[in-house]
Amino acid sequence: VQLVESGGGLVQAGGSLRLSCAASGIIVSFNAMDWYRQAPGKQRELVARISSGGSTSYADSVKDRFTISRDNAKNTVYLQMDSLKPEDTGDYYCSCQIYRGRGTQVTVSS
């Protein structure tokens, strides 16, 4: 199983980024897929989840700003992040079952 994240970078506060998680070895539409983030000095946080049935859930800190989705044909999960804040800075990675990717770094400048 491989989960490969991309799309991170440096953005100003108020800006947007779209993260991608390309999966191989699993079928994303058959699994719950999660996006986590880890900020320096902070605990890992579950940011968003999409279930196998397509229902979504979000951490309160990102609700109404982030959107998780998937493209079954591409076997890829996305995290659209809008209205970014400096506190959104961190390493973002996707996870499924016991698997996780290496992550992509997001830095939001004030």
Foldseek 3Di string as FASTA:
>chain_A
DAWDKDWADEEAQQAKIKMKIQDDPDQPLQFKKWKWWDAVPDDIGTAKIAGNVGDIDGDPVQPPFWDWDDDRVRSMIMIIGGSDDQVVFGWMWMDTDPDIHPTDTHGYHD
